[in-house]
Amino acid sequence: MSHIGNKLKAGFFKTPEKQGEYLKQLIDVNGDCSFFDPTCGEGAILHQLASYYRNEETSITTYGVELDKGRAEKADSVLDHVVNGPIESMVVSHNVFSFLFLNPPYDHTQKGLEDDISDRKEWLELTRNFKYLKENGVMVYIIPSYRFADKKIRRYLSTNFYDAGILRFSSEDYEDFKQCIFIGRKKSGTVKKVNKKLHQFLENMEEEAFIDKYVSPIEQIIGHKVWHVPSGATEVKTFYSKLEEKSNFYKGIRESKGFAAFKERSKPKQLSIGGNPALPINQGQMALLLASGAINGEMGQGDHYHLVQGLELVDKVVEIDKNVQENGNVTEVTKERTQRSVSVKIITPEGVVRKLV
């Protein structure tokens, strides 16, 4: 597998640590707040950024969501709150996070039964998670460089963000991944105008030659520009998945009365034969007893011990129906039907075989 193949598996791309070192020098945290990564992977980059600014005076709470169980477990060891599940299942407070880190999977969504097309996840995760970022909050958005030229993405970014910058990975990683980084602050209010200059710039990013000439590597911006992350809530009141972990239900199911009743009904039934039937047993009922195994095997104890064998006998019976017509002619119709009978034999302790039926 190639170098990029080792790092990019099934749409999962781990932001290189070196780029994190550069990124943390481009943001500044102005007080207590919360960071959010909706596709956090192993949580390394969010932990790297938050740890840089945490101190006795600044409290930063980190939140992450990750679909893969193994990666979620690793993220849970470095982030404050992690949910293992799809971001689609999450219920999250709106306009609450001061910092949003977006490095979405690089593939398409699965098309639903009523969908005509599937969307790229870079676009879907941008629009889905934008509402969780508070006004004036900072978003870092990392996607393949050419994807910034997408009509929907470039218009969304140039309409909803200000104080925006577009950078590319440093030379250590850009040739491998061709990734660029958008950093911007969320506009406030409901009426927003398109930044035409930014819109045109992003449109030109479809050409690699344009990126090489006009998009600066991230390390060249350090010392010249800083994005200030505003203070905000450190505890998000609503942050959970609508899909519960199956393990959360195990104890409740095991201890429920319904499950106990189900186990009881599922136990094999032991046949108990004794006494006299309430009514005489007809041939059909006898057949059912034979089929169920009730009349077969050992019965009784001591002097009343017997071996019983029950058989259902199936014979073909031919019948001829004669019909006399008005002119005196006789027609015969031959019919064949199945006749079932029962044979029950016992062997007494003395070895005597007796046929009961």
Protein backbone atom coordinates (compact mmCIF):
# COMPACT_ATOMS: atom_id res chain seq x y z
CA MET A 1 0.00 0.00 0.00
CA SER A 2 1.26 3.51 -0.83
CA HIS A 3 2.22 6.14 1.72
CA ILE A 4 -1.14 7.83 1.37
CA GLY A 5 -2.88 4.46 1.43
CA ASN A 6 -1.42 3.74 4.86
CA LYS A 7 -2.93 6.96 6.20
CA LEU A 8 -6.18 7.08 4.28
CA LYS A 9 -8.42 4.06 4.82
CA ALA A 10 -12.13 3.87 4.00
CA GLY A 11 -12.36 7.67 3.85
CA PHE A 12 -10.61 8.14 7.23
CA PHE A 13 -7.76 10.64 7.19
CA LYS A 14 -5.82 11.45 10.33
CA THR A 15 -4.62 15.05 10.30
CA PRO A 16 -0.80 14.90 10.51
CA GLU A 17 0.63 15.99 13.85
CA LYS A 18 2.96 18.43 12.10
CA GLN A 19 -0.02 20.35 10.70
CA GLY A 20 -1.48 20.44 14.20
CA GLU A 21 1.72 22.07 15.45
CA TYR A 22 1.27 24.81 12.87
CA LEU A 23 -2.47 25.17 13.45
CA LYS A 24 -2.19 25.78 17.17
CA GLN A 25 0.00 28.80 16.42
CA LEU A 26 -2.71 30.30 14.21
CA ILE A 27 -5.50 30.35 16.80
CA ASP A 28 -5.77 32.07 20.15
CA VAL A 29 -8.24 31.16 22.90
CA ASN A 30 -9.74 34.12 24.75
CA GLY A 31 -11.29 32.27 27.70
CA ASP A 32 -13.16 29.18 28.83
CA CYS A 33 -14.92 27.42 25.96
CA SER A 34 -15.61 24.08 24.24
CA PHE A 35 -14.10 22.44 21.13
CA PHE A 36 -15.99 20.03 18.87
CA ASP A 37 -14.89 17.51 16.23
CA PRO A 38 -17.88 15.62 14.72
CA THR A 39 -15.68 13.06 12.94
CA CYS A 40 -12.93 12.92 15.53
CA GLY A 41 -11.22 9.64 14.65
CA GLU A 42 -8.81 8.89 17.49
CA GLY A 43 -9.19 12.43 18.87
CA ALA A 44 -5.49 13.28 18.48
CA ILE A 45 -5.75 16.62 16.67
CA LEU A 46 -8.47 18.08 18.92
CA HIS A 47 -6.54 16.98 22.00
CA GLN A 48 -3.37 18.50 20.54
CA LEU A 49 -5.01 21.89 19.95
CA ALA A 50 -6.93 22.05 23.24
CA SER A 51 -3.95 20.96 25.37
CA TYR A 52 -1.87 23.81 24.00
CA TYR A 53 -4.24 26.42 25.47
CA ARG A 54 -5.39 24.73 28.67
CA ASN A 55 -3.99 26.21 31.85
CA GLU A 56 -5.07 27.27 35.33
CA GLU A 57 -6.93 30.25 33.90
CA THR A 58 -8.44 28.66 30.77
CA SER A 59 -10.75 25.65 30.78
CA ILE A 60 -11.45 23.92 27.47
CA THR A 61 -13.88 20.98 27.20
CA THR A 62 -13.49 18.73 24.17
CA TYR A 63 -16.32 16.88 22.44
CA GLY A 64 -16.07 14.26 19.70
CA VAL A 65 -18.18 11.83 17.69
CA GLU A 66 -16.72 8.79 15.94
CA LEU A 67 -18.42 5.99 14.03
CA ASP A 68 -15.64 3.38 14.31
CA LYS A 69 -15.65 1.67 17.72
CA GLY A 70 -11.89 1.15 17.92
CA ARG A 71 -11.08 4.75 17.08
CA ALA A 72 -13.81 6.00 19.42
CA GLU A 73 -12.26 4.08 22.32
CA LYS A 74 -8.90 5.75 21.66
CA ALA A 75 -10.56 9.16 21.39
CA ASP A 76 -12.34 8.58 24.69
CA SER A 77 -8.97 8.34 26.41
CA VAL A 78 -7.88 11.85 25.32
CA LEU A 79 -11.13 13.83 24.88
CA ASP A 80 -13.62 14.79 27.59
CA HIS A 81 -16.81 13.58 25.88
CA VAL A 82 -16.94 11.04 23.05
CA VAL A 83 -19.95 9.32 21.49
CA ASN A 84 -19.42 6.17 19.43
CA GLY A 85 -21.99 6.41 16.65
CA PRO A 86 -22.87 8.13 13.39
CA ILE A 87 -23.00 11.92 13.47
CA GLU A 88 -26.42 11.59 11.79
CA SER A 89 -27.81 10.16 15.04
CA MET A 90 -26.57 13.00 17.25
CA VAL A 91 -28.72 15.52 19.09
CA VAL A 92 -26.54 18.55 19.89
CA SER A 93 -27.19 22.05 21.19
CA HIS A 94 -27.04 24.71 18.47
CA ASN A 95 -24.76 27.78 18.48
CA VAL A 96 -22.74 26.57 21.45
CA PHE A 97 -19.19 25.52 20.44
CA SER A 98 -16.50 28.18 20.23
CA PHE A 99 -14.26 26.08 17.98
CA LEU A 100 -15.29 23.56 15.31
CA PHE A 101 -12.74 21.25 13.71
CA LEU A 102 -13.95 19.61 10.50
CA ASN A 103 -11.94 16.97 8.69
CA PRO A 104 -14.77 14.94 7.13
CA PRO A 105 -14.45 11.61 5.30
CA TYR A 106 -13.60 11.96 1.62
CA ASP A 107 -16.34 9.95 -0.05
CA HIS A 108 -20.06 9.92 -0.81
CA THR A 109 -22.99 9.36 1.48
CA GLN A 110 -25.07 6.23 0.95
CA LYS A 111 -28.07 6.95 -1.23
CA GLY A 112 -31.42 6.43 0.48
CA LEU A 113 -34.41 4.68 -1.07
CA GLU A 114 -36.02 7.97 -2.06
CA ASP A 115 -32.81 9.84 -2.97
CA ASP A 116 -31.91 10.54 -6.58
CA ILE A 117 -28.25 11.20 -5.84
CA SER A 118 -25.78 10.94 -2.95
CA ASP A 119 -23.86 13.94 -1.60
CA ARG A 120 -20.18 14.25 -0.94
CA LYS A 121 -19.49 14.09 2.78
CA GLU A 122 -17.27 17.18 2.66
CA TRP A 123 -20.37 19.19 1.77
CA LEU A 124 -22.80 17.32 4.01
CA GLU A 125 -20.68 17.58 7.17
CA LEU A 126 -20.02 21.28 6.54
CA THR A 127 -23.72 22.13 6.44
CA ARG A 128 -24.70 19.65 9.14
CA ASN A 129 -22.23 20.88 11.77
CA PHE A 130 -22.27 24.60 10.99
CA LYS A 131 -25.30 25.06 13.26
CA TYR A 132 -23.39 23.79 16.31
CA LEU A 133 -20.79 26.58 16.04
CA LYS A 134 -21.62 29.76 17.94
CA GLU A 135 -21.64 33.15 16.23
CA ASN A 136 -18.10 34.53 15.78
CA GLY A 137 -16.78 31.06 16.60
CA VAL A 138 -13.80 29.72 14.63
CA MET A 139 -14.03 26.80 12.20
CA VAL A 140 -11.10 24.85 10.76
CA TYR A 141 -12.18 22.93 7.66
CA ILE A 142 -9.75 20.50 5.97
CA ILE A 143 -10.63 18.88 2.63
CA PRO A 144 -8.86 18.04 -0.66
CA SER A 145 -7.78 21.29 -2.31
CA TYR A 146 -9.84 20.90 -5.50
CA ARG A 147 -13.04 20.39 -3.47
CA PHE A 148 -13.02 24.06 -2.42
CA ALA A 149 -13.97 24.87 -6.00
CA ASP A 150 -17.22 22.93 -5.69
CA LYS A 151 -20.12 25.26 -6.45
CA LYS A 152 -22.03 24.53 -3.23
CA ILE A 153 -19.01 24.52 -0.93
CA ARG A 154 -17.46 27.76 -2.20
CA ARG A 155 -20.76 29.63 -1.98
CA TYR A 156 -21.48 28.35 1.53
CA LEU A 157 -18.06 29.33 2.85
CA SER A 158 -18.05 32.77 1.20
CA THR A 159 -21.57 33.49 2.49
CA ASN A 160 -21.42 32.28 6.11
CA PHE A 161 -17.87 33.15 7.22
CA TYR A 162 -15.77 36.28 7.60
CA ASP A 163 -12.13 36.87 8.54
CA ALA A 164 -11.44 33.88 6.33
CA GLY A 165 -8.14 32.43 5.19
CA ILE A 166 -7.19 29.52 2.94
CA LEU A 167 -3.88 27.70 3.45
CA ARG A 168 -2.33 24.49 2.24
CA PHE A 169 -0.49 21.82 4.14
CA SER A 170 3.22 22.35 4.58
CA SER A 171 5.57 20.59 2.19
CA GLU A 172 5.99 17.61 4.55
CA ASP A 173 2.42 16.47 3.84
CA TYR A 174 0.95 18.42 0.92
CA GLU A 175 2.38 16.30 -1.87
CA ASP A 176 1.00 13.15 -0.25
CA PHE A 177 -2.50 14.41 0.48
CA LYS A 178 -3.13 17.63 -1.50
CA GLN A 179 -5.10 19.04 1.45
CA CYS A 180 -5.95 22.67 2.10
CA ILE A 181 -7.22 24.34 5.27
CA PHE A 182 -9.99 26.91 5.51
CA ILE A 183 -10.09 29.00 8.70
CA GLY A 184 -12.90 31.46 9.30
CA ARG A 185 -15.29 32.98 11.82
CA LYS A 186 -19.03 32.39 11.71
CA LYS A 187 -21.08 35.41 10.70
CA SER A 188 -23.87 36.59 12.97
CA GLY A 189 -27.43 37.40 11.94
CA THR A 190 -29.72 35.81 9.38
CA VAL A 191 -29.03 38.01 6.34
CA LYS A 192 -25.59 37.35 4.88
CA LYS A 193 -23.95 38.59 1.70
CA VAL A 194 -21.57 36.62 -0.48
CA ASN A 195 -17.93 37.63 -0.27
CA LYS A 196 -17.34 37.78 -4.02
CA LYS A 197 -13.58 37.98 -3.72
CA LEU A 198 -13.41 34.85 -1.56
CA HIS A 199 -15.95 33.10 -3.81
CA GLN A 200 -13.82 33.75 -6.90
CA PHE A 201 -10.63 32.67 -5.11
CA LEU A 202 -12.17 29.33 -4.08
CA GLU A 203 -13.50 28.76 -7.60
CA ASN A 204 -9.96 29.00 -8.98
CA MET A 205 -8.73 26.29 -6.62
CA GLU A 206 -9.81 23.64 -9.10
CA GLU A 207 -6.44 24.23 -10.81
CA GLU A 208 -3.35 22.91 -9.07
CA ALA A 209 -1.23 25.59 -10.73
CA PHE A 210 -3.36 28.27 -9.04
CA ILE A 211 -2.89 26.62 -5.64
CA ASP A 212 0.88 26.39 -6.09
CA LYS A 213 1.05 30.10 -6.91
CA TYR A 214 -1.57 31.74 -4.70
CA VAL A 215 -2.30 29.44 -1.71
CA SER A 216 0.38 29.88 0.94
CA PRO A 217 1.74 26.92 2.91
CA ILE A 218 0.54 27.05 6.52
CA GLU A 219 3.98 27.63 8.05
CA GLN A 220 4.40 30.87 6.08
CA ILE A 221 1.34 32.45 7.78
CA ILE A 222 2.60 31.91 11.33
CA GLY A 223 3.40 35.25 12.92
CA HIS A 224 1.30 37.17 10.41
CA LYS A 225 -2.24 36.08 11.25
CA VAL A 226 -4.16 34.76 14.28
CA TRP A 227 -7.82 33.74 14.61
CA HIS A 228 -9.26 34.49 18.06
CA VAL A 229 -11.54 31.79 19.51
CA PRO A 230 -14.23 33.47 21.64
CA SER A 231 -15.10 32.35 25.14
CA GLY A 232 -18.26 30.33 25.62
CA ALA A 233 -19.91 27.41 27.36
CA THR A 234 -17.67 24.65 28.67
CA GLU A 235 -20.51 22.22 29.30
CA VAL A 236 -22.91 21.47 26.44
CA LYS A 237 -26.34 20.59 27.85
CA THR A 238 -27.50 18.54 24.86
CA PHE A 239 -24.98 16.08 23.44
CA TYR A 240 -26.18 12.52 22.90
CA SER A 241 -26.97 9.92 20.24
CA LYS A 242 -30.48 8.72 19.44
CA LEU A 243 -28.92 5.28 18.93
CA GLU A 244 -28.23 3.65 22.28
CA GLU A 245 -25.43 1.16 22.82
CA LYS A 246 -26.77 -2.40 22.92
CA SER A 247 -24.73 -3.11 26.04
CA ASN A 248 -26.79 -0.51 27.92
CA PHE A 249 -29.84 -2.76 27.63
CA TYR A 250 -28.34 -6.13 28.62
CA LYS A 251 -28.88 -5.86 32.40
CA GLY A 252 -32.42 -4.55 32.04
CA ILE A 253 -33.39 -7.34 29.65
CA ARG A 254 -31.90 -10.08 31.81
CA GLU A 255 -33.74 -8.81 34.90
CA SER A 256 -37.10 -8.13 33.23
CA LYS A 257 -40.17 -10.25 34.01
CA GLY A 258 -40.94 -10.58 30.32
CA PHE A 259 -37.55 -12.16 29.59
CA ALA A 260 -37.97 -14.56 32.55
CA ALA A 261 -41.38 -15.60 31.19
CA PHE A 262 -39.88 -16.07 27.72
CA LYS A 263 -37.13 -18.34 29.07
CA GLU A 264 -39.72 -20.38 30.96
CA ARG A 265 -41.85 -20.82 27.84
CA SER A 266 -38.77 -21.80 25.84
CA LYS A 267 -37.86 -24.73 28.09
CA PRO A 268 -38.48 -28.21 26.58
CA LYS A 269 -41.75 -29.65 27.86
CA GLN A 270 -41.63 -32.99 29.65
CA LEU A 271 -44.53 -35.28 28.77
CA SER A 272 -46.32 -36.70 31.77
CA ILE A 273 -48.74 -39.55 31.14
CA GLY A 274 -50.98 -40.94 33.80
CA GLY A 275 -54.60 -41.36 34.86
CA ASN A 276 -57.50 -41.73 32.50
CA PRO A 277 -58.45 -39.35 29.68
CA ALA A 278 -61.44 -37.09 30.26
CA LEU A 279 -63.09 -38.52 27.13
CA PRO A 280 -62.53 -41.63 25.03
CA ILE A 281 -59.55 -41.11 22.69
CA ASN A 282 -60.52 -41.26 19.03
CA GLN A 283 -58.24 -42.29 16.20
CA GLY A 284 -57.18 -38.75 15.35
CA GLN A 285 -56.22 -38.00 18.91
CA MET A 286 -54.33 -41.26 19.11
CA ALA A 287 -52.42 -40.27 15.97
CA LEU A 288 -51.40 -37.01 17.61
CA LEU A 289 -50.18 -38.88 20.67
CA LEU A 290 -48.12 -41.13 18.44
CA ALA A 291 -46.69 -38.22 16.45
CA SER A 292 -45.70 -36.38 19.64
CA GLY A 293 -43.96 -39.44 21.07
CA ALA A 294 -46.34 -39.67 23.98
CA ILE A 295 -47.04 -43.33 23.19
CA ASN A 296 -43.57 -44.77 22.86
CA GLY A 297 -40.86 -45.96 25.20
CA GLU A 298 -40.97 -46.91 28.88
CA MET A 299 -43.96 -46.53 31.14
CA GLY A 300 -44.67 -47.41 34.74
CA GLN A 301 -42.49 -48.81 37.51
CA GLY A 302 -41.97 -52.12 39.25
CA ASP A 303 -44.70 -54.64 38.47
CA HIS A 304 -46.37 -52.07 36.24
CA TYR A 305 -43.31 -51.45 34.11
CA HIS A 306 -44.03 -51.81 30.37
CA LEU A 307 -42.39 -51.05 27.07
CA VAL A 308 -44.79 -49.32 24.71
CA GLN A 309 -44.59 -48.94 20.96
CA GLY A 310 -47.06 -46.88 18.99
CA LEU A 311 -47.29 -46.84 15.22
CA GLU A 312 -49.40 -44.95 12.76
CA LEU A 313 -50.34 -47.20 9.85
CA VAL A 314 -51.06 -45.59 6.51
CA ASP A 315 -52.89 -47.61 3.83
CA LYS A 316 -54.35 -46.83 0.40
CA VAL A 317 -58.00 -47.83 -0.01
CA VAL A 318 -59.59 -48.12 -3.45
CA GLU A 319 -63.31 -47.43 -3.76
CA ILE A 320 -65.54 -47.73 -6.82
CA ASP A 321 -68.60 -45.53 -7.13
CA LYS A 322 -71.33 -46.66 -9.56
CA ASN A 323 -73.68 -44.16 -11.13
CA VAL A 324 -76.82 -45.37 -12.93
CA GLN A 325 -78.00 -42.98 -15.62
CA GLU A 326 -81.60 -42.48 -16.83
CA ASN A 327 -81.01 -44.58 -19.95
CA GLY A 328 -79.84 -47.46 -17.81
CA ASN A 329 -76.14 -47.10 -18.48
CA VAL A 330 -73.81 -47.58 -15.52
CA THR A 331 -70.60 -45.58 -15.08
CA GLU A 332 -67.93 -46.40 -12.57
CA VAL A 333 -65.58 -43.89 -10.89
CA THR A 334 -62.54 -45.28 -9.12
CA LYS A 335 -61.30 -43.28 -6.14
CA GLU A 336 -58.26 -43.84 -3.99
CA ARG A 337 -58.06 -42.46 -0.48
CA THR A 338 -55.64 -42.64 2.40
CA GLN A 339 -56.70 -44.61 5.44
CA ARG A 340 -54.83 -44.14 8.68
CA SER A 341 -54.97 -46.51 11.62
CA VAL A 342 -53.17 -46.95 14.89
CA SER A 343 -51.25 -49.87 16.30
CA VAL A 344 -50.18 -49.89 19.93
CA LYS A 345 -48.27 -52.80 21.43
CA ILE A 346 -46.85 -53.35 24.90
CA ILE A 347 -44.32 -55.77 26.33
CA THR A 348 -44.92 -56.80 29.91
CA PRO A 349 -42.14 -57.49 32.44
CA GLU A 350 -42.72 -61.21 31.71
CA GLY A 351 -41.94 -60.67 28.04
CA VAL A 352 -45.50 -61.03 26.82
CA VAL A 353 -46.31 -58.91 23.77
CA ARG A 354 -49.83 -57.61 23.65
CA LYS A 355 -51.48 -55.60 20.93
CA LEU A 356 -53.90 -53.06 22.35
CA VAL A 357 -55.09 -51.53 19.10
